[in-house]
PDB file of N, CA and C in Angstrom:
ATOM      1  N   UNK A   1      -3.072   8.139  -6.800  1.00  0.00           N
ATOM      2  CA  UNK A   1      -3.588   8.163  -5.449  1.00  0.00           C
ATOM      3  C   UNK A   1      -4.252   6.837  -5.123  1.00  0.00           C
ATOM      4  N   UNK A   2      -4.113   6.431  -3.874  1.00  0.00           N
ATOM      5  CA  UNK A   2      -4.729   5.198  -3.412  1.00  0.00           C
ATOM      6  C   UNK A   2      -5.826   5.540  -2.414  1.00  0.00           C
ATOM      7  N   UNK A   3      -6.682   4.595  -2.127  1.00  0.00           N
ATOM      8  CA  UNK A   3      -7.684   4.806  -1.098  1.00  0.00           C
ATOM      9  C   UNK A   3      -7.032   4.655   0.257  1.00  0.00           C
ATOM     10  N   UNK A   4      -7.401   5.504   1.180  1.00  0.00           N
ATOM     11  CA  UNK A   4      -6.938   5.419   2.543  1.00  0.00           C
ATOM     12  C   UNK A   4      -8.142   5.028   3.370  1.00  0.00           C
ATOM     13  N   UNK A   5      -8.035   3.958   4.107  1.00  0.00           N
ATOM     14  CA  UNK A   5      -9.160   3.458   4.877  1.00  0.00           C
ATOM     15  C   UNK A   5      -8.898   3.720   6.345  1.00  0.00           C
ATOM     16  N   UNK A   6      -9.870   4.255   7.022  1.00  0.00           N
ATOM     17  CA  UNK A   6      -9.745   4.529   8.443  1.00  0.00           C
ATOM     18  C   UNK A   6     -10.546   3.492   9.212  1.00  0.00           C
ATOM     19  N   UNK A   7      -9.907   2.883  10.204  1.00  0.00           N
ATOM     20  CA  UNK A   7     -10.579   1.934  11.080  1.00  0.00           C
ATOM     21  C   UNK A   7     -10.404   2.416  12.507  1.00  0.00           C
ATOM     22  N   UNK A   8     -11.449   2.391  13.288  1.00  0.00           N
ATOM     23  CA  UNK A   8     -11.386   2.813  14.676  1.00  0.00           C
ATOM     24  C   UNK A   8     -11.706   1.616  15.549  1.00  0.00           C
ATOM     25  N   UNK A   9     -10.807   1.316  16.503  1.00  0.00           N
ATOM     26  CA  UNK A   9     -11.013   0.190  17.402  1.00  0.00           C
ATOM     27  C   UNK A   9     -11.719   0.684  18.654  1.00  0.00           C
ATOM     28  N   UNK A  10     -12.867   0.141  18.933  1.00  0.00           N
ATOM     29  CA  UNK A  10     -13.538   0.467  20.182  1.00  0.00           C
ATOM     30  C   UNK A  10     -13.006  -0.468  21.258  1.00  0.00           C
ATOM     31  N   UNK A  11     -13.515  -0.344  22.450  1.00  0.00           N
ATOM     32  CA  UNK A  11     -13.003  -1.172  23.541  1.00  0.00           C
ATOM     33  C   UNK A  11     -13.211  -2.662  23.267  1.00  0.00           C
ATOM     34  N   UNK A  12     -14.223  -3.020  22.482  1.00  0.00           N
ATOM     35  CA  UNK A  12     -14.417  -4.427  22.156  1.00  0.00           C
ATOM     36  C   UNK A  12     -13.907  -4.752  20.751  1.00  0.00           C
ATOM     37  N   UNK A  13     -13.145  -3.844  20.173  1.00  0.00           N
ATOM     38  CA  UNK A  13     -12.462  -4.020  18.902  1.00  0.00           C
ATOM     39  C   UNK A  13     -13.389  -4.255  17.718  1.00  0.00           C
ATOM     40  N   UNK A  14     -14.615  -3.697  17.759  1.00  0.00           N
ATOM     41  CA  UNK A  14     -15.459  -3.677  16.567  1.00  0.00           C
ATOM     42  C   UNK A  14     -14.871  -2.649  15.615  1.00  0.00           C
ATOM     43  N   UNK A  15     -14.911  -2.907  14.332  1.00  0.00           N
ATOM     44  CA  UNK A  15     -14.285  -2.020  13.376  1.00  0.00           C
ATOM     45  C   UNK A  15     -15.313  -1.238  12.579  1.00  0.00           C
ATOM     46  N   UNK A  16     -15.041   0.052  12.378  1.00  0.00           N
ATOM     47  CA  UNK A  16     -15.801   0.902  11.481  1.00  0.00           C
ATOM     48  C   UNK A  16     -14.800   1.455  10.490  1.00  0.00           C
ATOM     49  N   UNK A  17     -15.210   1.682   9.259  1.00  0.00           N
ATOM     50  CA  UNK A  17     -14.252   2.189   8.279  1.00  0.00           C
ATOM     51  C   UNK A  17     -14.885   3.228   7.379  1.00  0.00           C
ATOM     52  N   UNK A  18     -14.039   4.089   6.817  1.00  0.00           N
ATOM     53  CA  UNK A  18     -14.426   5.011   5.763  1.00  0.00           C
ATOM     54  C   UNK A  18     -13.208   5.272   4.919  1.00  0.00           C
ATOM     55  N   UNK A  19     -13.400   5.697   3.683  1.00  0.00           N
ATOM     56  CA  UNK A  19     -12.298   5.899   2.751  1.00  0.00           C
ATOM     57  C   UNK A  19     -12.083   7.369   2.459  1.00  0.00           C
ATOM     58  N   UNK A  20     -10.805   7.724   2.311  1.00  0.00           N
ATOM     59  CA  UNK A  20     -10.407   9.043   1.835  1.00  0.00           C
ATOM     60  C   UNK A  20      -9.231   8.848   0.894  1.00  0.00           C
ATOM     61  N   UNK A  21      -8.944   9.827   0.041  1.00  0.00           N
ATOM     62  CA  UNK A  21      -7.828   9.694  -0.891  1.00  0.00           C
ATOM     63  C   UNK A  21      -6.516  10.036  -0.208  1.00  0.00           C
ATOM     64  N   UNK A  22      -5.453   9.313  -0.574  1.00  0.00           N
ATOM     65  CA  UNK A  22      -4.115   9.587  -0.041  1.00  0.00           C
ATOM     66  C   UNK A  22      -3.089   8.920  -0.929  1.00  0.00           C
ATOM     67  N   UNK A  23      -1.839   9.361  -0.796  1.00  0.00           N
ATOM     68  CA  UNK A  23      -0.766   8.720  -1.544  1.00  0.00           C
ATOM     69  C   UNK A  23      -0.479   7.348  -0.979  1.00  0.00           C
ATOM     70  N   UNK A  24      -0.163   6.399  -1.826  1.00  0.00           N
ATOM     71  CA  UNK A  24       0.187   5.063  -1.395  1.00  0.00           C
ATOM     72  C   UNK A  24       1.654   5.045  -0.987  1.00  0.00           C
ATOM     73  N   UNK A  25       1.959   4.310   0.069  1.00  0.00           N
ATOM     74  CA  UNK A  25       3.332   4.199   0.531  1.00  0.00           C
ATOM     75  C   UNK A  25       3.457   2.883   1.285  1.00  0.00           C
ATOM     76  N   UNK A  26       4.387   2.047   0.875  1.00  0.00           N
ATOM     77  CA  UNK A  26       4.591   0.794   1.578  1.00  0.00           C
ATOM     78  C   UNK A  26       3.919  -0.358   0.875  1.00  0.00           C
ATOM     79  N   UNK A  27       3.938  -1.499   1.535  1.00  0.00           N
ATOM     80  CA  UNK A  27       3.361  -2.723   0.999  1.00  0.00           C
ATOM     81  C   UNK A  27       1.847  -2.658   1.164  1.00  0.00           C
ATOM     82  N   UNK A  28       1.057  -2.991   0.134  1.00  0.00           N
ATOM     83  CA  UNK A  28      -0.402  -2.895   0.234  1.00  0.00           C
ATOM     84  C   UNK A  28      -0.971  -3.809   1.310  1.00  0.00           C
ATOM     85  N   UNK A  29      -2.067  -3.376   1.916  1.00  0.00           N
ATOM     86  CA  UNK A  29      -2.815  -4.214   2.846  1.00  0.00           C
ATOM     87  C   UNK A  29      -3.657  -5.161   2.000  1.00  0.00           C
ATOM     88  N   UNK A  30      -3.408  -6.441   2.116  1.00  0.00           N
ATOM     89  CA  UNK A  30      -4.123  -7.397   1.279  1.00  0.00           C
ATOM     90  C   UNK A  30      -5.440  -7.822   1.897  1.00  0.00           C
ATOM     91  N   UNK A  31      -5.608  -7.617   3.192  1.00  0.00           N
ATOM     92  CA  UNK A  31      -6.847  -8.043   3.842  1.00  0.00           C
ATOM     93  C   UNK A  31      -7.687  -6.861   4.291  1.00  0.00           C
ATOM     94  N   UNK A  32      -7.378  -5.680   3.808  1.00  0.00           N
ATOM     95  CA  UNK A  32      -8.093  -4.485   4.227  1.00  0.00           C
ATOM     96  C   UNK A  32      -9.506  -4.472   3.656  1.00  0.00           C
ATOM     97  N   UNK A  33     -10.436  -3.826   4.375  1.00  0.00           N
ATOM     98  CA  UNK A  33     -11.794  -3.707   3.851  1.00  0.00           C
ATOM     99  C   UNK A  33     -11.787  -2.999   2.507  1.00  0.00           C
ATOM    100  N   UNK A  34     -12.725  -3.297   1.669  1.00  0.00           N
ATOM    101  CA  UNK A  34     -12.896  -2.690   0.355  1.00  0.00           C
ATOM    102  C   UNK A  34     -11.665  -2.878  -0.534  1.00  0.00           C
ATOM    103  N   UNK A  35     -10.842  -3.857  -0.235  1.00  0.00           N
ATOM    104  CA  UNK A  35      -9.651  -4.166  -1.031  1.00  0.00           C
ATOM    105  C   UNK A  35      -8.793  -2.928  -1.268  1.00  0.00           C
ATOM    106  N   UNK A  36      -8.647  -2.130  -0.236  1.00  0.00           N
ATOM    107  CA  UNK A  36      -7.859  -0.911  -0.288  1.00  0.00           C
ATOM    108  C   UNK A  36      -6.376  -1.234  -0.398  1.00  0.00           C
ATOM    109  N   UNK A  37      -5.623  -0.339  -0.975  1.00  0.00           N
ATOM    110  CA  UNK A  37      -4.173  -0.462  -1.074  1.00  0.00           C
ATOM    111  C   UNK A  37      -3.538   0.754  -0.429  1.00  0.00           C
ATOM    112  N   UNK A  38      -2.362   0.596   0.106  1.00  0.00           N
ATOM    113  CA  UNK A  38      -1.650   1.724   0.678  1.00  0.00           C
ATOM    114  C   UNK A  38      -1.925   1.894   2.159  1.00  0.00           C
ATOM    115  N   UNK A  39      -1.519   3.062   2.706  1.00  0.00           N
ATOM    116  CA  UNK A  39      -1.657   3.281   4.143  1.00  0.00           C
ATOM    117  C   UNK A  39      -3.111   3.354   4.581  1.00  0.00           C
ATOM    118  N   UNK A  40      -3.322   3.044   5.856  1.00  0.00           N
ATOM    119  CA  UNK A  40      -4.650   3.094   6.464  1.00  0.00           C
ATOM    120  C   UNK A  40      -4.558   3.931   7.729  1.00  0.00           C
ATOM    121  N   UNK A  41      -5.654   4.563   8.105  1.00  0.00           N
ATOM    122  CA  UNK A  41      -5.739   5.266   9.375  1.00  0.00           C
ATOM    123  C   UNK A  41      -6.438   4.329  10.351  1.00  0.00           C
ATOM    124  N   UNK A  42      -5.735   3.974  11.432  1.00  0.00           N
ATOM    125  CA  UNK A  42      -6.269   3.073  12.450  1.00  0.00           C
ATOM    126  C   UNK A  42      -6.136   3.722  13.814  1.00  0.00           C
ATOM    127  N   UNK A  43      -7.083   3.473  14.681  1.00  0.00           N
ATOM    128  CA  UNK A  43      -6.955   3.864  16.072  1.00  0.00           C
ATOM    129  C   UNK A  43      -6.472   2.624  16.809  1.00  0.00           C
ATOM    130  N   UNK A  44      -5.223   2.670  17.261  1.00  0.00           N
ATOM    131  CA  UNK A  44      -4.543   1.492  17.818  1.00  0.00           C
ATOM    132  C   UNK A  44      -4.308   1.697  19.311  1.00  0.00           C
ATOM    133  N   UNK A  45      -4.473   0.646  20.116  1.00  0.00           N
ATOM    134  CA  UNK A  45      -4.126   0.767  21.537  1.00  0.00           C
ATOM    135  C   UNK A  45      -2.662   1.194  21.689  1.00  0.00           C
ATOM    136  N   UNK A  46      -2.432   2.192  22.529  1.00  0.00           N
ATOM    137  CA  UNK A  46      -1.082   2.733  22.725  1.00  0.00           C
ATOM    138  C   UNK A  46      -0.112   1.631  23.139  1.00  0.00           C
ATOM    139  N   UNK A  47      -0.571   0.711  23.982  1.00  0.00           N
ATOM    140  CA  UNK A  47       0.341  -0.333  24.471  1.00  0.00           C
ATOM    141  C   UNK A  47       0.632  -1.423  23.438  1.00  0.00           C
ATOM    142  N   UNK A  48       0.030  -1.352  22.262  1.00  0.00           N
ATOM    143  CA  UNK A  48       0.302  -2.320  21.192  1.00  0.00           C
ATOM    144  C   UNK A  48       1.346  -1.797  20.197  1.00  0.00           C
ATOM    145  N   UNK A  49       1.846  -0.585  20.420  1.00  0.00           N
ATOM    146  CA  UNK A  49       2.822   0.006  19.510  1.00  0.00           C
ATOM    147  C   UNK A  49       4.199  -0.090  20.126  1.00  0.00           C
ATOM    148  N   UNK A  50       5.108  -0.751  19.438  1.00  0.00           N
ATOM    149  CA  UNK A  50       6.496  -0.851  19.899  1.00  0.00           C
ATOM    150  C   UNK A  50       7.263   0.378  19.430  1.00  0.00           C
ATOM    151  N   UNK A  51       8.093   0.912  20.296  1.00  0.00           N
ATOM    152  CA  UNK A  51       8.913   2.089  19.999  1.00  0.00           C
ATOM    153  C   UNK A  51      10.381   1.682  20.105  1.00  0.00           C
ATOM    154  N   UNK A  52      10.934   1.030  19.075  1.00  0.00           N
ATOM    155  CA  UNK A  52      12.291   0.476  19.189  1.00  0.00           C
ATOM    156  C   UNK A  52      13.396   1.509  19.345  1.00  0.00           C
ATOM    157  N   UNK A  53      13.164   2.758  18.979  1.00  0.00           N
ATOM    158  CA  UNK A  53      14.213   3.770  19.087  1.00  0.00           C
ATOM    159  C   UNK A  53      14.033   4.672  20.308  1.00  0.00           C
ATOM    160  N   UNK A  54      13.049   4.366  21.151  1.00  0.00           N
ATOM    161  CA  UNK A  54      12.726   5.229  22.277  1.00  0.00           C
ATOM    162  C   UNK A  54      13.911   5.400  23.233  1.00  0.00           C
ATOM    163  N   UNK A  55      14.724   4.378  23.397  1.00  0.00           N
ATOM    164  CA  UNK A  55      15.855   4.472  24.330  1.00  0.00           C
ATOM    165  C   UNK A  55      16.965   5.381  23.818  1.00  0.00           C
ATOM    166  N   UNK A  56      17.019   5.610  22.506  1.00  0.00           N
ATOM    167  CA  UNK A  56      18.104   6.400  21.936  1.00  0.00           C
ATOM    168  C   UNK A  56      17.722   7.855  21.701  1.00  0.00           C
ATOM    169  N   UNK A  57      16.460   8.200  21.927  1.00  0.00           N
ATOM    170  CA  UNK A  57      15.992   9.562  21.679  1.00  0.00           C
ATOM    171  C   UNK A  57      15.264  10.080  22.905  1.00  0.00           C
ATOM    172  N   UNK A  58      15.372  11.385  23.128  1.00  0.00           N
ATOM    173  CA  UNK A  58      14.605  11.973  24.226  1.00  0.00           C
ATOM    174  C   UNK A  58      13.676  13.040  23.643  1.00  0.00           C
ATOM    175  N   UNK A  59      12.524  13.171  24.258  1.00  0.00           N
ATOM    176  CA  UNK A  59      11.536  14.145  23.811  1.00  0.00           C
ATOM    177  C   UNK A  59      11.703  15.449  24.562  1.00  0.00           C
ATOM    178  N   UNK A  60      11.314  16.538  23.926  1.00  0.00           N
ATOM    179  CA  UNK A  60      11.306  17.862  24.534  1.00  0.00           C
ATOM    180  C   UNK A  60      10.100  17.923  25.474  1.00  0.00           C
ATOM    181  N   UNK A  61      10.334  18.024  26.797  1.00  0.00           N
ATOM    182  CA  UNK A  61       9.214  18.021  27.751  1.00  0.00           C
ATOM    183  C   UNK A  61       8.209  19.143  27.505  1.00  0.00           C
ATOM    184  N   UNK A  62       8.683  20.317  27.072  1.00  0.00           N
ATOM    185  CA  UNK A  62       7.774  21.434  26.809  1.00  0.00           C
ATOM    186  C   UNK A  62       6.858  21.125  25.632  1.00  0.00           C
ATOM    187  N   UNK A  63       7.419  20.508  24.592  1.00  0.00           N
ATOM    188  CA  UNK A  63       6.614  20.144  23.421  1.00  0.00           C
ATOM    189  C   UNK A  63       5.568  19.093  23.798  1.00  0.00           C
ATOM    190  N   UNK A  64       5.960  18.127  24.630  1.00  0.00           N
ATOM    191  CA  UNK A  64       5.014  17.100  25.082  1.00  0.00           C
ATOM    192  C   UNK A  64       3.882  17.753  25.871  1.00  0.00           C
ATOM    193  N   UNK A  65       4.225  18.687  26.762  1.00  0.00           N
ATOM    194  CA  UNK A  65       3.206  19.378  27.568  1.00  0.00           C
ATOM    195  C   UNK A  65       2.243  20.156  26.677  1.00  0.00           C
ATOM    196  N   UNK A  66       2.775  20.872  25.684  1.00  0.00           N
ATOM    197  CA  UNK A  66       1.920  21.634  24.763  1.00  0.00           C
ATOM    198  C   UNK A  66       0.989  20.703  23.986  1.00  0.00           C
ATOM    199  N   UNK A  67       1.523  19.559  23.560  1.00  0.00           N
ATOM    200  CA  UNK A  67       0.688  18.584  22.847  1.00  0.00           C
ATOM    201  C   UNK A  67      -0.372  17.992  23.763  1.00  0.00           C
ATOM    202  N   UNK A  68      -0.019  17.734  25.009  1.00  0.00           N
ATOM    203  CA  UNK A  68      -1.001  17.213  25.956  1.00  0.00           C
ATOM    204  C   UNK A  68      -2.164  18.191  26.104  1.00  0.00           C
ATOM    205  N   UNK A  69      -1.843  19.482  26.229  1.00  0.00           N
ATOM    206  CA  UNK A  69      -2.897  20.493  26.357  1.00  0.00           C
ATOM    207  C   UNK A  69      -3.768  20.518  25.108  1.00  0.00           C
ATOM    208  N   UNK A  70      -3.130  20.484  23.940  1.00  0.00           N
ATOM    209  CA  UNK A  70      -3.862  20.530  22.669  1.00  0.00           C
ATOM    210  C   UNK A  70      -4.739  19.286  22.478  1.00  0.00           C
ATOM    211  N   UNK A  71      -4.166  18.120  22.738  1.00  0.00           N
ATOM    212  CA  UNK A  71      -4.907  16.860  22.560  1.00  0.00           C
ATOM    213  C   UNK A  71      -6.086  16.803  23.524  1.00  0.00           C
ATOM    214  N   UNK A  72      -5.882  17.259  24.754  1.00  0.00           N
ATOM    215  CA  UNK A  72      -6.969  17.261  25.733  1.00  0.00           C
ATOM    216  C   UNK A  72      -8.098  18.194  25.292  1.00  0.00           C
ATOM    217  N   UNK A  73      -7.735  19.293  24.630  1.00  0.00           N
ATOM    218  CA  UNK A  73      -8.746  20.285  24.223  1.00  0.00           C
ATOM    219  C   UNK A  73      -9.425  19.926  22.904  1.00  0.00           C
ATOM    220  N   UNK A  74      -8.639  19.582  21.871  1.00  0.00           N
ATOM    221  CA  UNK A  74      -9.226  19.383  20.534  1.00  0.00           C
ATOM    222  C   UNK A  74      -8.954  18.018  19.924  1.00  0.00           C
ATOM    223  N   UNK A  75      -8.226  17.169  20.624  1.00  0.00           N
ATOM    224  CA  UNK A  75      -7.910  15.843  20.095  1.00  0.00           C
ATOM    225  C   UNK A  75      -6.678  15.864  19.207  1.00  0.00           C
ATOM    226  N   UNK A  76      -6.210  14.703  18.850  1.00  0.00           N
ATOM    227  CA  UNK A  76      -5.036  14.561  17.988  1.00  0.00           C
ATOM    228  C   UNK A  76      -5.413  14.971  16.569  1.00  0.00           C
ATOM    229  N   UNK A  77      -4.679  15.895  15.992  1.00  0.00           N
ATOM    230  CA  UNK A  77      -4.990  16.413  14.667  1.00  0.00           C
ATOM    231  C   UNK A  77      -4.241  15.694  13.553  1.00  0.00           C
ATOM    232  N   UNK A  78      -3.063  15.147  13.864  1.00  0.00           N
ATOM    233  CA  UNK A  78      -2.245  14.473  12.851  1.00  0.00           C
ATOM    234  C   UNK A  78      -1.871  13.093  13.380  1.00  0.00           C
ATOM    235  N   UNK A  79      -2.280  12.021  12.690  1.00  0.00           N
ATOM    236  CA  UNK A  79      -1.939  10.671  13.154  1.00  0.00           C
ATOM    237  C   UNK A  79      -0.426  10.451  13.170  1.00  0.00           C
ATOM    238  N   UNK A  80       0.030   9.568  14.059  1.00  0.00           N
ATOM    239  CA  UNK A  80       1.442   9.193  14.037  1.00  0.00           C
ATOM    240  C   UNK A  80       1.638   8.155  12.931  1.00  0.00           C
ATOM    241  N   UNK A  81       2.861   8.017  12.444  1.00  0.00           N
ATOM    242  CA  UNK A  81       3.176   7.020  11.422  1.00  0.00           C
ATOM    243  C   UNK A  81       3.621   5.735  12.092  1.00  0.00           C
ATOM    244  N   UNK A  82       3.035   4.616  11.640  1.00  0.00           N
ATOM    245  CA  UNK A  82       3.334   3.312  12.216  1.00  0.00           C
ATOM    246  C   UNK A  82       3.579   2.318  11.086  1.00  0.00           C
ATOM    247  N   UNK A  83       4.555   1.458  11.286  1.00  0.00           N
ATOM    248  CA  UNK A  83       4.852   0.391  10.341  1.00  0.00           C
ATOM    249  C   UNK A  83       4.335  -0.918  10.927  1.00  0.00           C
ATOM    250  N   UNK A  84       3.508  -1.636  10.168  1.00  0.00           N
ATOM    251  CA  UNK A  84       2.994  -2.937  10.622  1.00  0.00           C
ATOM    252  C   UNK A  84       3.756  -4.025   9.888  1.00  0.00           C
ATOM    253  N   UNK A  85       4.416  -4.892  10.656  1.00  0.00           N
ATOM    254  CA  UNK A  85       5.153  -6.022  10.093  1.00  0.00           C
ATOM    255  C   UNK A  85       4.677  -7.275  10.816  1.00  0.00           C
ATOM    256  N   UNK A  86       4.108  -8.194  10.068  1.00  0.00           N
ATOM    257  CA  UNK A  86       3.624  -9.463  10.620  1.00  0.00           C
ATOM    258  C   UNK A  86       2.705  -9.269  11.827  1.00  0.00           C
ATOM    259  N   UNK A  87       1.809  -8.283  11.738  1.00  0.00           N
ATOM    260  CA  UNK A  87       0.824  -8.062  12.794  1.00  0.00           C
ATOM    261  C   UNK A  87       1.331  -7.284  13.994  1.00  0.00           C
ATOM    262  N   UNK A  88       2.570  -6.813  13.963  1.00  0.00           N
ATOM    263  CA  UNK A  88       3.145  -6.036  15.063  1.00  0.00           C
ATOM    264  C   UNK A  88       3.349  -4.607  14.576  1.00  0.00           C
ATOM    265  N   UNK A  89       2.944  -3.634  15.420  1.00  0.00           N
ATOM    266  CA  UNK A  89       3.043  -2.225  15.055  1.00  0.00           C
ATOM    267  C   UNK A  89       4.313  -1.612  15.632  1.00  0.00           C
ATOM    268  N   UNK A  90       5.065  -0.903  14.771  1.00  0.00           N
ATOM    269  CA  UNK A  90       6.302  -0.232  15.168  1.00  0.00           C
ATOM    270  C   UNK A  90       6.166   1.255  14.873  1.00  0.00           C
ATOM    271  N   UNK A  91       6.426   2.080  15.882  1.00  0.00           N
ATOM    272  CA  UNK A  91       6.366   3.524  15.707  1.00  0.00           C
ATOM    273  C   UNK A  91       7.754   4.113  15.616  1.00  0.00           C
ATOM    274  N   UNK A  92       8.002   4.883  14.554  1.00  0.00           N
ATOM    275  CA  UNK A  92       9.307   5.511  14.375  1.00  0.00           C
ATOM    276  C   UNK A  92       9.207   7.032  14.306  1.00  0.00           C
ATOM    277  N   UNK A  93       8.021   7.570  14.225  1.00  0.00           N
ATOM    278  CA  UNK A  93       7.830   9.021  14.228  1.00  0.00           C
ATOM    279  C   UNK A  93       6.623   9.329  15.102  1.00  0.00           C
ATOM    280  N   UNK A  94       6.417  10.602  15.393  1.00  0.00           N
ATOM    281  CA  UNK A  94       5.311  10.977  16.271  1.00  0.00           C
ATOM    282  C   UNK A  94       5.621  10.741  17.730  1.00  0.00           C
ATOM    283  N   UNK A  95       6.903  10.796  18.083  1.00  0.00           N
ATOM    284  CA  UNK A  95       7.334  10.480  19.451  1.00  0.00           C
ATOM    285  C   UNK A  95       6.672  11.378  20.498  1.00  0.00           C
ATOM    286  N   UNK A  96       6.590  12.680  20.206  1.00  0.00           N
ATOM    287  CA  UNK A  96       5.994  13.604  21.160  1.00  0.00           C
ATOM    288  C   UNK A  96       4.487  13.370  21.300  1.00  0.00           C
ATOM    289  N   UNK A  97       3.822  13.110  20.173  1.00  0.00           N
ATOM    290  CA  UNK A  97       2.377  12.835  20.217  1.00  0.00           C
ATOM    291  C   UNK A  97       2.100  11.534  20.969  1.00  0.00           C
ATOM    292  N   UNK A  98       2.948  10.527  20.725  1.00  0.00           N
ATOM    293  CA  UNK A  98       2.812   9.234  21.402  1.00  0.00           C
ATOM    294  C   UNK A  98       2.970   9.414  22.919  1.00  0.00           C
ATOM    295  N   UNK A  99       4.029  10.127  23.337  1.00  0.00           N
ATOM    296  CA  UNK A  99       4.254  10.336  24.770  1.00  0.00           C
ATOM    297  C   UNK A  99       3.117  11.150  25.396  1.00  0.00           C
ATOM    298  N   UNK A 100       2.615  12.142  24.664  1.00  0.00           N
ATOM    299  CA  UNK A 100       1.492  12.933  25.176  1.00  0.00           C
ATOM    300  C   UNK A 100       0.280  12.032  25.429  1.00  0.00           C
ATOM    301  N   UNK A 101      -0.009  11.121  24.508  1.00  0.00           N
ATOM    302  CA  UNK A 101      -1.127  10.183  24.698  1.00  0.00           C
ATOM    303  C   UNK A 101      -0.886   9.306  25.919  1.00  0.00           C
ATOM    304  N   UNK A 102       0.342   8.800  26.065  1.00  0.00           N
ATOM    305  CA  UNK A 102       0.663   7.964  27.225  1.00  0.00           C
ATOM    306  C   UNK A 102       0.444   8.728  28.522  1.00  0.00           C
ATOM    307  N   UNK A 103       0.975   9.936  28.584  1.00  0.00           N
ATOM    308  CA  UNK A 103       0.903  10.723  29.814  1.00  0.00           C
ATOM    309  C   UNK A 103      -0.520  11.165  30.135  1.00  0.00           C
ATOM    310  N   UNK A 104      -1.343  11.325  29.109  1.00  0.00           N
ATOM    311  CA  UNK A 104      -2.760  11.649  29.330  1.00  0.00           C
ATOM    312  C   UNK A 104      -3.572  10.422  29.732  1.00  0.00           C
ATOM    313  N   UNK A 105      -2.959   9.237  29.603  1.00  0.00           N
ATOM    314  CA  UNK A 105      -3.661   8.002  29.940  1.00  0.00           C
ATOM    315  C   UNK A 105      -4.681   7.588  28.901  1.00  0.00           C
ATOM    316  N   UNK A 106      -4.506   8.061  27.667  1.00  0.00           N
ATOM    317  CA  UNK A 106      -5.442   7.693  26.601  1.00  0.00           C
ATOM    318  C   UNK A 106      -5.145   6.267  26.134  1.00  0.00           C
ATOM    319  N   UNK A 107      -6.163   5.450  25.972  1.00  0.00           N
ATOM    320  CA  UNK A 107      -5.936   4.042  25.637  1.00  0.00           C
ATOM    321  C   UNK A 107      -5.530   3.800  24.180  1.00  0.00           C
ATOM    322  N   UNK A 108      -5.926   4.702  23.274  1.00  0.00           N
ATOM    323  CA  UNK A 108      -5.633   4.493  21.852  1.00  0.00           C
ATOM    324  C   UNK A 108      -5.055   5.767  21.252  1.00  0.00           C
ATOM    325  N   UNK A 109      -4.434   5.607  20.075  1.00  0.00           N
ATOM    326  CA  UNK A 109      -3.882   6.742  19.346  1.00  0.00           C
ATOM    327  C   UNK A 109      -4.153   6.536  17.859  1.00  0.00           C
ATOM    328  N   UNK A 110      -4.453   7.609  17.173  1.00  0.00           N
ATOM    329  CA  UNK A 110      -4.714   7.570  15.738  1.00  0.00           C
ATOM    330  C   UNK A 110      -3.387   7.405  14.999  1.00  0.00           C
ATOM    331  N   UNK A 111      -3.328   6.410  14.102  1.00  0.00           N
ATOM    332  CA  UNK A 111      -2.084   6.080  13.407  1.00  0.00           C
ATOM    333  C   UNK A 111      -2.307   5.957  11.901  1.00  0.00           C
ATOM    334  N   UNK A 112      -1.346   6.432  11.137  1.00  0.00           N
ATOM    335  CA  UNK A 112      -1.302   6.158   9.702  1.00  0.00           C
ATOM    336  C   UNK A 112      -0.398   4.936   9.581  1.00  0.00           C
ATOM    337  N   UNK A 113      -0.984   3.826   9.191  1.00  0.00           N
ATOM    338  CA  UNK A 113      -0.285   2.542   9.207  1.00  0.00           C
ATOM    339  C   UNK A 113       0.091   2.112   7.795  1.00  0.00           C
ATOM    340  N   UNK A 114       1.357   1.812   7.620  1.00  0.00           N
ATOM    341  CA  UNK A 114       1.849   1.195   6.381  1.00  0.00           C
ATOM    342  C   UNK A 114       2.211  -0.243   6.710  1.00  0.00           C
ATOM    343  N   UNK A 115       1.932  -1.131   5.817  1.00  0.00           N
ATOM    344  CA  UNK A 115       2.368  -2.511   5.972  1.00  0.00           C
ATOM    345  C   UNK A 115       3.750  -2.619   5.356  1.00  0.00           C
ATOM    346  N   UNK A 116       4.661  -3.289   6.032  1.00  0.00           N
ATOM    347  CA  UNK A 116       6.021  -3.440   5.546  1.00  0.00           C
ATOM    348  C   UNK A 116       6.524  -4.854   5.732  1.00  0.00           C
ATOM    349  N   UNK A 117       7.701  -5.075   5.211  1.00  0.00           N
ATOM    350  CA  UNK A 117       8.362  -6.373   5.342  1.00  0.00           C
ATOM    351  C   UNK A 117       9.410  -6.297   6.450  1.00  0.00           C
ATOM    352  N   UNK A 118       9.977  -7.421   6.795  1.00  0.00           N
ATOM    353  CA  UNK A 118      11.054  -7.429   7.785  1.00  0.00           C
ATOM    354  C   UNK A 118      12.248  -6.616   7.294  1.00  0.00           C
ATOM    355  N   UNK A 119      12.457  -6.605   5.990  1.00  0.00           N
ATOM    356  CA  UNK A 119      13.544  -5.793   5.424  1.00  0.00           C
ATOM    357  C   UNK A 119      13.262  -4.307   5.629  1.00  0.00           C
ATOM    358  N   UNK A 120      12.015  -3.891   5.463  1.00  0.00           N
ATOM    359  CA  UNK A 120      11.637  -2.503   5.718  1.00  0.00           C
ATOM    360  C   UNK A 120      11.911  -2.149   7.178  1.00  0.00           C
ATOM    361  N   UNK A 121      11.561  -3.050   8.077  1.00  0.00           N
ATOM    362  CA  UNK A 121      11.798  -2.835   9.495  1.00  0.00           C
ATOM    363  C   UNK A 121      13.299  -2.705   9.777  1.00  0.00           C
ATOM    364  N   UNK A 122      14.099  -3.585   9.207  1.00  0.00           N
ATOM    365  CA  UNK A 122      15.560  -3.503   9.387  1.00  0.00           C
ATOM    366  C   UNK A 122      16.083  -2.155   8.902  1.00  0.00           C
ATOM    367  N   UNK A 123      15.552  -1.658   7.793  1.00  0.00           N
ATOM    368  CA  UNK A 123      15.976  -0.367   7.263  1.00  0.00           C
ATOM    369  C   UNK A 123      15.682   0.755   8.265  1.00  0.00           C
ATOM    370  N   UNK A 124      14.517   0.725   8.906  1.00  0.00           N
ATOM    371  CA  UNK A 124      14.146   1.746   9.887  1.00  0.00           C
ATOM    372  C   UNK A 124      15.010   1.657  11.145  1.00  0.00           C
ATOM    373  N   UNK A 125      15.497   0.466  11.446  1.00  0.00           N
ATOM    374  CA  UNK A 125      16.301   0.282  12.670  1.00  0.00           C
ATOM    375  C   UNK A 125      17.755   0.679  12.485  1.00  0.00           C
ATOM    376  N   UNK A 126      18.175   0.907  11.260  1.00  0.00           N
ATOM    377  CA  UNK A 126      19.583   1.292  11.022  1.00  0.00           C
ATOM    378  C   UNK A 126      19.879   2.666  11.536  1.00  0.00           C
TER     379      UNK A 126
END
């Protein structure tokens, strides 16, 4: 098990962190606080996440509506998965949760972020 570090971005991007245990997956974060390795939980601005497969997939409107109701009432319970390559965030899962956040007008979304290489990104785009 690796340490999982959570960082929350406020409107002025001050960072707060805490650690929890989780499985490691992906390339380690070399500049993470506490020299953590593996995925991190970050609250990322929705407009900073690229969705390269969004044009090829459609979301179930009913599922998005149900998630919007749930998120508005109790918040997001499961972070979306995001791949960070060279400082750019790419989302390949959590499409319904992502759209629900967009439609609710929420500025940020909780993400489980793995650091990857350009080769990892190419693999996800296949």
